[in-house]
């Protein structure tokens, strides 16, 4: 079954759009390393919160993507604009629109 990750991050005031640009800047290459869904959204209730929803073929592919040089560089650029307030939820994806579940 595919691996799912839903996380949020709080940006320092005024930096949300810059962080979104960084997050979306590397999205094109994710499919090649096992990502099925990568969606970045903003909170309607809090202008400094960004949500990221991901579906991967496996948890191992997700973890490996975090070690890629371009991912590590993007994280290094974004970190100074973040407060350190993060949430994360890992899950097993059982189906959905645009999700490929072995069957």
Protein backbone atom coordinates (compact mmCIF):
# COMPACT_ATOMS: atom_id res chain seq x y z
CA UNK A 1 0.00 0.00 0.00
CA UNK A 2 1.20 3.55 -0.67
CA UNK A 3 2.66 5.69 2.08
CA UNK A 4 0.99 8.98 2.96
CA UNK A 5 2.39 12.02 4.70
CA UNK A 6 0.48 15.11 5.77
CA UNK A 7 2.43 17.86 7.47
CA UNK A 8 2.23 21.50 8.37
CA UNK A 9 4.85 24.14 8.97
CA UNK A 10 4.63 27.63 10.36
CA UNK A 11 6.58 30.35 8.57
CA UNK A 12 7.97 33.49 10.07
CA UNK A 13 5.59 36.34 9.35
CA UNK A 14 5.82 37.54 5.77
CA UNK A 15 7.76 34.51 4.45
CA UNK A 16 4.93 32.13 3.52
CA UNK A 17 5.05 32.79 -0.23
CA UNK A 18 8.84 32.39 -0.35
CA UNK A 19 8.62 29.00 1.36
CA UNK A 20 5.81 27.92 -0.97
CA UNK A 21 8.00 28.84 -3.94
CA UNK A 22 10.78 26.64 -2.55
CA UNK A 23 8.40 23.74 -1.91
CA UNK A 24 6.91 23.89 -5.38
CA UNK A 25 10.27 24.47 -7.07
CA UNK A 26 11.30 20.84 -6.75
CA UNK A 27 7.93 19.22 -7.34
CA UNK A 28 8.59 18.31 -10.98
CA UNK A 29 11.24 15.74 -10.13
CA UNK A 30 9.31 13.94 -7.41
CA UNK A 31 7.33 11.61 -9.67
CA UNK A 32 10.58 10.07 -10.93
CA UNK A 33 11.52 9.05 -7.38
CA UNK A 34 8.17 7.48 -6.40
CA UNK A 35 5.86 10.35 -5.48
CA UNK A 36 2.27 9.94 -6.70
CA UNK A 37 0.74 13.08 -5.15
CA UNK A 38 2.41 16.26 -3.91
CA UNK A 39 0.06 19.08 -2.90
CA UNK A 40 0.96 22.31 -1.13
CA UNK A 41 -1.81 24.34 0.47
CA UNK A 42 -2.24 27.29 2.80
CA UNK A 43 -4.41 27.64 5.86
CA UNK A 44 -7.43 29.89 5.52
CA UNK A 45 -7.38 30.39 9.29
CA UNK A 46 -3.68 31.27 9.72
CA UNK A 47 -1.67 33.16 7.11
CA UNK A 48 1.62 31.70 8.32
CA UNK A 49 0.76 27.99 8.05
CA UNK A 50 1.52 25.78 5.03
CA UNK A 51 0.20 22.22 4.60
CA UNK A 52 1.90 19.58 2.47
CA UNK A 53 0.14 16.36 1.46
CA UNK A 54 2.16 13.59 -0.17
CA UNK A 55 1.47 10.07 -1.42
CA UNK A 56 4.47 7.87 -2.19
CA UNK A 57 4.80 4.36 -3.55
CA UNK A 58 6.69 3.48 -0.33
CA UNK A 59 7.88 5.12 2.87
CA UNK A 60 11.43 4.24 1.86
CA UNK A 61 11.12 6.30 -1.33
CA UNK A 62 9.87 9.26 0.71
CA UNK A 63 12.79 8.93 3.10
CA UNK A 64 15.26 8.62 0.22
CA UNK A 65 13.88 11.78 -1.37
CA UNK A 66 14.85 13.73 1.74
CA UNK A 67 18.48 12.75 1.18
CA UNK A 68 18.65 14.03 -2.41
CA UNK A 69 21.07 16.96 -2.82
CA UNK A 70 18.37 19.21 -4.31
CA UNK A 71 15.99 18.41 -1.45
CA UNK A 72 18.64 19.10 1.16
CA UNK A 73 19.45 22.42 -0.53
CA UNK A 74 15.77 23.41 -0.59
CA UNK A 75 15.39 22.55 3.10
CA UNK A 76 18.47 24.63 3.94
CA UNK A 77 17.00 27.63 2.06
CA UNK A 78 13.60 27.31 3.75
CA UNK A 79 14.66 26.64 7.36
CA UNK A 80 15.59 30.24 8.27
CA UNK A 81 12.05 31.29 7.23
CA UNK A 82 10.35 28.70 9.46
CA UNK A 83 9.54 28.96 13.16
CA UNK A 84 10.19 25.29 13.96
CA UNK A 85 6.49 24.63 14.61
CA UNK A 86 5.75 21.50 12.57
CA UNK A 87 3.10 18.79 12.60
CA UNK A 88 3.20 15.47 10.78
CA UNK A 89 0.96 12.50 10.26
CA UNK A 90 2.00 9.33 8.50
CA UNK A 91 -0.60 6.94 7.12
CA UNK A 92 -1.26 4.03 4.81
CA UNK A 93 -3.17 5.16 1.73
CA UNK A 94 -5.95 2.74 0.75
CA UNK A 95 -7.19 4.52 -2.39
CA UNK A 96 -8.41 7.75 -3.93
CA UNK A 97 -8.43 9.84 -7.06
CA UNK A 98 -4.99 9.90 -8.64
CA UNK A 99 -3.60 7.27 -6.28
CA UNK A 100 -2.24 3.98 -7.57
CA UNK A 101 -2.85 1.16 -5.10
CA UNK A 102 -1.47 -2.30 -5.90
CA UNK A 103 -4.26 -4.67 -6.28
